Amino acid sequence: NGVKYFYDKGMEYIKNKDYKNSLSNFNKIYLYSKKSYLNQHILYMIGYSYENLYDTENANKYYEIYVEEYKSGDYIEQCVYNLAILNENVDKEKAKKYANKLVEEYPNSQFNNTRIRKIINN
C-alpha cells in the first residue's frame, strides 16, 4: 500500500510538472517496489523526472536500468529512444548504439523517425 501511495503522489507531481517532488516520492519507494507491478513504472518515471530536470547523467542511468530489466516493458521503446536522443550530443557511440537497437529490435516503433536515422547515419 505504501508503494502505491507514493507512486500516486509522484504521478500527481508529474502531472503538475513538479519533477523535484516527483523524484522525492519515487525514490522513496524504488527499492521497496522491486517485486511490485509498479516497479517498471517507477523506474521509468525516475528517469523521466531526471530528464525533465536536465540531469542527463541520472536520466541515462535509470533509462539504462529500465532497458536491462524490462526488455519487453511498457516503456522499452521510449527508453531506448530517450537514450539515443539524450546521448546524441554527448556520447555519439552510445547514441548510435541505442538508435540501432531501436531500429533493429523495434522496427515498427513510433519512435523510428528521421532523428533516429540521422543519429545512425552520422
N, C-alpha and C. Protein backbone atom coordinates (compact mmCIF):
# COMPACT_ATOMS: atom_id res chain seq x y z
N ASN A 1 0.82 -1.21 0.00
CA ASN A 1 0.00 0.00 0.00
C ASN A 1 0.86 1.27 0.00
N GLY A 2 1.99 1.21 0.70
CA GLY A 2 2.88 2.37 0.75
C GLY A 2 3.46 2.69 -0.61
N VAL A 3 3.83 1.65 -1.37
CA VAL A 3 4.37 1.85 -2.71
C VAL A 3 3.33 2.54 -3.58
N LYS A 4 2.12 2.07 -3.55
CA LYS A 4 1.04 2.65 -4.37
C LYS A 4 0.77 4.10 -3.95
N TYR A 5 0.78 4.35 -2.65
CA TYR A 5 0.53 5.70 -2.15
C TYR A 5 1.57 6.69 -2.70
N PHE A 6 2.85 6.36 -2.55
CA PHE A 6 3.90 7.27 -3.02
C PHE A 6 3.97 7.32 -4.54
N TYR A 7 3.61 6.22 -5.21
CA TYR A 7 3.54 6.24 -6.67
C TYR A 7 2.48 7.24 -7.12
N ASP A 8 1.30 7.16 -6.52
CA ASP A 8 0.21 8.09 -6.88
C ASP A 8 0.60 9.54 -6.61
N LYS A 9 1.25 9.78 -5.47
CA LYS A 9 1.71 11.14 -5.14
C LYS A 9 2.73 11.61 -6.18
N GLY A 10 3.67 10.72 -6.54
CA GLY A 10 4.66 11.06 -7.55
C GLY A 10 4.02 11.40 -8.89
N MET A 11 2.99 10.64 -9.25
CA MET A 11 2.30 10.90 -10.52
C MET A 11 1.55 12.24 -10.48
N GLU A 12 1.03 12.61 -9.33
CA GLU A 12 0.39 13.93 -9.20
C GLU A 12 1.41 15.03 -9.47
N TYR A 13 2.60 14.86 -8.91
CA TYR A 13 3.65 15.85 -9.15
C TYR A 13 4.08 15.87 -10.62
N ILE A 14 4.14 14.71 -11.26
CA ILE A 14 4.47 14.65 -12.69
C ILE A 14 3.45 15.45 -13.48
N LYS A 15 2.17 15.23 -13.19
CA LYS A 15 1.10 15.95 -13.91
C LYS A 15 1.23 17.46 -13.75
N ASN A 16 1.75 17.89 -12.60
CA ASN A 16 1.93 19.32 -12.34
C ASN A 16 3.32 19.82 -12.74
N LYS A 17 4.08 18.96 -13.39
CA LYS A 17 5.44 19.28 -13.84
C LYS A 17 6.37 19.67 -12.69
N ASP A 18 6.10 19.09 -11.52
CA ASP A 18 6.95 19.31 -10.34
C ASP A 18 7.85 18.08 -10.20
N TYR A 19 8.90 18.06 -11.01
CA TYR A 19 9.74 16.88 -11.13
C TYR A 19 10.63 16.65 -9.91
N LYS A 20 10.95 17.70 -9.20
CA LYS A 20 11.76 17.55 -7.99
C LYS A 20 10.98 16.76 -6.94
N ASN A 21 9.72 17.10 -6.74
CA ASN A 21 8.90 16.39 -5.76
C ASN A 21 8.49 15.01 -6.26
N SER A 22 8.33 14.86 -7.57
CA SER A 22 8.02 13.52 -8.10
C SER A 22 9.19 12.58 -7.79
N LEU A 23 10.40 13.07 -8.00
CA LEU A 23 11.59 12.27 -7.70
C LEU A 23 11.65 11.89 -6.23
N SER A 24 11.33 12.82 -5.38
CA SER A 24 11.35 12.56 -3.95
C SER A 24 10.44 11.38 -3.61
N ASN A 25 9.26 11.35 -4.20
CA ASN A 25 8.31 10.27 -3.92
C ASN A 25 8.74 8.96 -4.56
N PHE A 26 9.16 9.01 -5.81
CA PHE A 26 9.56 7.77 -6.49
C PHE A 26 10.81 7.17 -5.87
N ASN A 27 11.75 8.01 -5.47
CA ASN A 27 12.98 7.49 -4.85
C ASN A 27 12.71 6.84 -3.50
N LYS A 28 11.70 7.31 -2.79
CA LYS A 28 11.34 6.71 -1.50
C LYS A 28 10.92 5.25 -1.65
N ILE A 29 10.31 4.93 -2.77
CA ILE A 29 9.72 3.60 -2.92
C ILE A 29 10.42 2.70 -3.93
N TYR A 30 11.39 3.25 -4.65
CA TYR A 30 12.02 2.46 -5.71
C TYR A 30 12.55 1.12 -5.21
N LEU A 31 13.33 1.13 -4.17
CA LEU A 31 13.91 -0.13 -3.67
C LEU A 31 12.84 -1.07 -3.11
N TYR A 32 11.78 -0.52 -2.57
CA TYR A 32 10.72 -1.36 -1.99
C TYR A 32 9.76 -1.90 -3.04
N SER A 33 9.86 -1.39 -4.25
CA SER A 33 8.91 -1.78 -5.30
C SER A 33 9.42 -2.91 -6.18
N LYS A 34 10.57 -3.46 -5.87
CA LYS A 34 11.19 -4.47 -6.74
C LYS A 34 10.25 -5.61 -7.13
N LYS A 35 9.40 -6.04 -6.22
CA LYS A 35 8.50 -7.16 -6.52
C LYS A 35 7.09 -6.70 -6.89
N SER A 36 6.94 -5.40 -7.05
CA SER A 36 5.63 -4.83 -7.36
C SER A 36 5.48 -4.63 -8.86
N TYR A 37 4.26 -4.74 -9.33
CA TYR A 37 3.97 -4.46 -10.74
C TYR A 37 4.28 -3.00 -11.08
N LEU A 38 4.37 -2.16 -10.07
CA LEU A 38 4.64 -0.74 -10.29
C LEU A 38 6.12 -0.43 -10.51
N ASN A 39 7.00 -1.40 -10.26
CA ASN A 39 8.43 -1.15 -10.35
C ASN A 39 8.85 -0.56 -11.68
N GLN A 40 8.40 -1.16 -12.79
CA GLN A 40 8.82 -0.63 -14.09
C GLN A 40 8.31 0.79 -14.31
N HIS A 41 7.14 1.10 -13.80
CA HIS A 41 6.58 2.45 -13.95
C HIS A 41 7.37 3.45 -13.12
N ILE A 42 7.72 3.05 -11.90
CA ILE A 42 8.50 3.91 -11.01
C ILE A 42 9.88 4.16 -11.62
N LEU A 43 10.51 3.12 -12.12
CA LEU A 43 11.83 3.23 -12.74
C LEU A 43 11.80 4.20 -13.92
N TYR A 44 10.81 4.06 -14.79
CA TYR A 44 10.69 4.96 -15.93
C TYR A 44 10.45 6.40 -15.46
N MET A 45 9.57 6.58 -14.49
CA MET A 45 9.23 7.92 -14.03
C MET A 45 10.42 8.61 -13.34
N ILE A 46 11.29 7.83 -12.72
CA ILE A 46 12.51 8.41 -12.15
C ILE A 46 13.38 8.96 -13.29
N GLY A 47 13.59 8.15 -14.33
CA GLY A 47 14.36 8.62 -15.48
C GLY A 47 13.72 9.84 -16.13
N TYR A 48 12.41 9.78 -16.28
CA TYR A 48 11.65 10.87 -16.90
C TYR A 48 11.78 12.15 -16.08
N SER A 49 11.69 12.02 -14.76
CA SER A 49 11.81 13.20 -13.89
C SER A 49 13.21 13.80 -13.98
N TYR A 50 14.23 12.95 -13.96
CA TYR A 50 15.60 13.46 -14.10
C TYR A 50 15.77 14.14 -15.46
N GLU A 51 15.22 13.54 -16.49
CA GLU A 51 15.34 14.15 -17.82
C GLU A 51 14.73 15.55 -17.83
N ASN A 52 13.58 15.70 -17.20
CA ASN A 52 12.91 16.99 -17.18
C ASN A 52 13.56 17.99 -16.24
N LEU A 53 14.45 17.52 -15.39
CA LEU A 53 15.26 18.40 -14.54
C LEU A 53 16.62 18.67 -15.19
N TYR A 54 16.78 18.21 -16.43
CA TYR A 54 18.01 18.38 -17.22
C TYR A 54 19.21 17.70 -16.57
N ASP A 55 18.95 16.62 -15.85
CA ASP A 55 20.00 15.81 -15.24
C ASP A 55 20.19 14.59 -16.14
N THR A 56 20.91 14.80 -17.23
CA THR A 56 21.08 13.77 -18.25
C THR A 56 21.78 12.54 -17.71
N GLU A 57 22.75 12.74 -16.85
CA GLU A 57 23.51 11.61 -16.31
C GLU A 57 22.59 10.64 -15.55
N ASN A 58 21.77 11.16 -14.67
CA ASN A 58 20.86 10.30 -13.92
C ASN A 58 19.72 9.77 -14.78
N ALA A 59 19.24 10.57 -15.72
CA ALA A 59 18.20 10.09 -16.63
C ALA A 59 18.74 8.88 -17.40
N ASN A 60 19.96 9.01 -17.93
CA ASN A 60 20.59 7.89 -18.64
C ASN A 60 20.69 6.67 -17.75
N LYS A 61 21.12 6.87 -16.52
CA LYS A 61 21.30 5.76 -15.58
C LYS A 61 20.00 4.97 -15.41
N TYR A 62 18.92 5.65 -15.16
CA TYR A 62 17.66 4.95 -14.90
C TYR A 62 17.03 4.39 -16.17
N TYR A 63 17.19 5.08 -17.29
CA TYR A 63 16.71 4.51 -18.56
C TYR A 63 17.50 3.25 -18.91
N GLU A 64 18.80 3.26 -18.65
CA GLU A 64 19.61 2.07 -18.93
C GLU A 64 19.22 0.91 -18.02
N ILE A 65 18.94 1.18 -16.77
CA ILE A 65 18.47 0.13 -15.87
C ILE A 65 17.16 -0.43 -16.40
N TYR A 66 16.29 0.45 -16.85
CA TYR A 66 15.00 0.00 -17.39
C TYR A 66 15.22 -0.93 -18.59
N VAL A 67 16.07 -0.52 -19.51
CA VAL A 67 16.33 -1.31 -20.72
C VAL A 67 16.89 -2.69 -20.36
N GLU A 68 17.73 -2.74 -19.34
CA GLU A 68 18.30 -4.02 -18.91
C GLU A 68 17.25 -4.92 -18.22
N GLU A 69 16.41 -4.34 -17.40
CA GLU A 69 15.49 -5.12 -16.58
C GLU A 69 14.15 -5.41 -17.23
N TYR A 70 13.74 -4.59 -18.19
CA TYR A 70 12.40 -4.73 -18.77
C TYR A 70 12.47 -4.73 -20.29
N LYS A 71 13.04 -5.79 -20.83
CA LYS A 71 13.25 -5.89 -22.28
C LYS A 71 11.94 -5.85 -23.09
N SER A 72 10.83 -6.18 -22.46
CA SER A 72 9.55 -6.07 -23.15
C SER A 72 8.56 -5.27 -22.29
N GLY A 73 9.10 -4.31 -21.53
CA GLY A 73 8.28 -3.48 -20.65
C GLY A 73 7.46 -2.46 -21.41
N ASP A 74 6.57 -1.83 -20.69
CA ASP A 74 5.66 -0.84 -21.27
C ASP A 74 6.38 0.36 -21.89
N TYR A 75 7.54 0.70 -21.36
CA TYR A 75 8.26 1.91 -21.79
C TYR A 75 9.56 1.60 -22.52
N ILE A 76 9.76 0.37 -22.94
CA ILE A 76 11.06 -0.02 -23.50
C ILE A 76 11.43 0.82 -24.73
N GLU A 77 10.51 0.99 -25.66
CA GLU A 77 10.83 1.75 -26.87
C GLU A 77 11.13 3.20 -26.53
N GLN A 78 10.36 3.78 -25.62
CA GLN A 78 10.57 5.16 -25.20
C GLN A 78 11.94 5.30 -24.55
N CYS A 79 12.32 4.34 -23.70
CA CYS A 79 13.63 4.42 -23.02
C CYS A 79 14.78 4.31 -24.01
N VAL A 80 14.68 3.39 -24.95
CA VAL A 80 15.73 3.24 -25.96
C VAL A 80 15.84 4.52 -26.79
N TYR A 81 14.70 5.06 -27.18
CA TYR A 81 14.68 6.32 -27.93
C TYR A 81 15.32 7.44 -27.10
N ASN A 82 14.90 7.57 -25.85
CA ASN A 82 15.45 8.63 -25.00
C ASN A 82 16.95 8.50 -24.85
N LEU A 83 17.43 7.28 -24.71
CA LEU A 83 18.88 7.06 -24.58
C LEU A 83 19.61 7.50 -25.85
N ALA A 84 19.02 7.26 -27.00
CA ALA A 84 19.64 7.71 -28.25
C ALA A 84 19.66 9.24 -28.32
N ILE A 85 18.53 9.85 -27.99
CA ILE A 85 18.41 11.31 -28.09
C ILE A 85 19.26 12.02 -27.03
N LEU A 86 19.20 11.55 -25.80
CA LEU A 86 19.96 12.20 -24.72
C LEU A 86 21.46 12.17 -24.96
N ASN A 87 21.92 11.14 -25.66
CA ASN A 87 23.35 10.99 -25.89
C ASN A 87 23.81 11.53 -27.24
N GLU A 88 22.89 12.04 -28.02
CA GLU A 88 23.20 12.50 -29.37
C GLU A 88 24.37 13.47 -29.42
N ASN A 89 24.42 14.41 -28.50
CA ASN A 89 25.49 15.41 -28.50
C ASN A 89 26.51 15.20 -27.38
N VAL A 90 26.37 14.09 -26.66
CA VAL A 90 27.24 13.82 -25.52
C VAL A 90 28.17 12.64 -25.80
N ASP A 91 27.58 11.55 -26.23
CA ASP A 91 28.31 10.31 -26.50
C ASP A 91 27.75 9.70 -27.77
N LYS A 92 28.33 10.09 -28.90
CA LYS A 92 27.78 9.69 -30.20
C LYS A 92 27.72 8.17 -30.38
N GLU A 93 28.70 7.46 -29.85
CA GLU A 93 28.70 6.00 -29.98
C GLU A 93 27.54 5.37 -29.21
N LYS A 94 27.31 5.88 -28.01
CA LYS A 94 26.19 5.37 -27.21
C LYS A 94 24.87 5.71 -27.89
N ALA A 95 24.77 6.93 -28.41
CA ALA A 95 23.55 7.34 -29.11
C ALA A 95 23.29 6.42 -30.31
N LYS A 96 24.35 6.14 -31.05
CA LYS A 96 24.23 5.27 -32.22
C LYS A 96 23.84 3.85 -31.82
N LYS A 97 24.41 3.37 -30.72
CA LYS A 97 24.09 2.04 -30.21
C LYS A 97 22.59 1.91 -29.94
N TYR A 98 22.03 2.91 -29.25
CA TYR A 98 20.61 2.84 -28.91
C TYR A 98 19.71 3.12 -30.12
N ALA A 99 20.15 3.96 -31.02
CA ALA A 99 19.38 4.21 -32.24
C ALA A 99 19.30 2.93 -33.06
N ASN A 100 20.43 2.23 -33.19
CA ASN A 100 20.44 0.96 -33.92
C ASN A 100 19.58 -0.09 -33.22
N LYS A 101 19.65 -0.11 -31.91
CA LYS A 101 18.83 -1.06 -31.14
C LYS A 101 17.35 -0.81 -31.41
N LEU A 102 16.97 0.44 -31.43
CA LEU A 102 15.57 0.79 -31.68
C LEU A 102 15.12 0.30 -33.06
N VAL A 103 15.93 0.58 -34.06
CA VAL A 103 15.58 0.18 -35.43
C VAL A 103 15.56 -1.34 -35.59
N GLU A 104 16.54 -2.01 -35.02
CA GLU A 104 16.66 -3.46 -35.19
C GLU A 104 15.65 -4.25 -34.36
N GLU A 105 15.46 -3.86 -33.10
CA GLU A 105 14.61 -4.64 -32.21
C GLU A 105 13.15 -4.19 -32.21
N TYR A 106 12.91 -2.96 -32.61
CA TYR A 106 11.55 -2.42 -32.60
C TYR A 106 11.28 -1.70 -33.93
N PRO A 107 11.33 -2.45 -35.04
CA PRO A 107 11.24 -1.83 -36.36
C PRO A 107 9.92 -1.08 -36.61
N ASN A 108 8.87 -1.45 -35.92
CA ASN A 108 7.58 -0.79 -36.13
C ASN A 108 7.29 0.28 -35.09
N SER A 109 8.29 0.66 -34.34
CA SER A 109 8.11 1.64 -33.28
C SER A 109 7.76 3.02 -33.83
N GLN A 110 6.91 3.70 -33.12
CA GLN A 110 6.58 5.08 -33.48
C GLN A 110 7.79 6.00 -33.33
N PHE A 111 8.81 5.53 -32.62
CA PHE A 111 9.99 6.34 -32.38
C PHE A 111 11.06 6.21 -33.47
N ASN A 112 10.83 5.34 -34.42
CA ASN A 112 11.74 5.25 -35.57
C ASN A 112 11.43 6.42 -36.49
N ASN A 113 12.20 7.47 -36.35
CA ASN A 113 11.91 8.68 -37.10
C ASN A 113 13.19 9.23 -37.74
N THR A 114 13.07 10.39 -38.34
CA THR A 114 14.22 10.97 -39.05
C THR A 114 15.36 11.30 -38.10
N ARG A 115 15.05 11.65 -36.88
CA ARG A 115 16.13 11.96 -35.92
C ARG A 115 16.94 10.71 -35.59
N ILE A 116 16.28 9.57 -35.45
CA ILE A 116 16.98 8.31 -35.20
C ILE A 116 17.84 7.94 -36.41
N ARG A 117 17.30 8.10 -37.60
CA ARG A 117 18.07 7.81 -38.82
C ARG A 117 19.28 8.73 -38.94
N LYS A 118 19.10 9.97 -38.54
CA LYS A 118 20.21 10.93 -38.57
C LYS A 118 21.33 10.50 -37.61
N ILE A 119 20.95 10.04 -36.42
CA ILE A 119 21.95 9.57 -35.45
C ILE A 119 22.71 8.37 -36.02
N ILE A 120 21.99 7.46 -36.63
CA ILE A 120 22.62 6.26 -37.20
C ILE A 120 23.57 6.63 -38.34
N ASN A 121 23.19 7.57 -39.16
CA ASN A 121 23.97 7.91 -40.35
C ASN A 121 25.11 8.89 -40.08
N ASN A 122 25.18 9.45 -38.91
CA ASN A 122 26.28 10.40 -38.61
C ASN A 122 27.42 9.73 -37.89
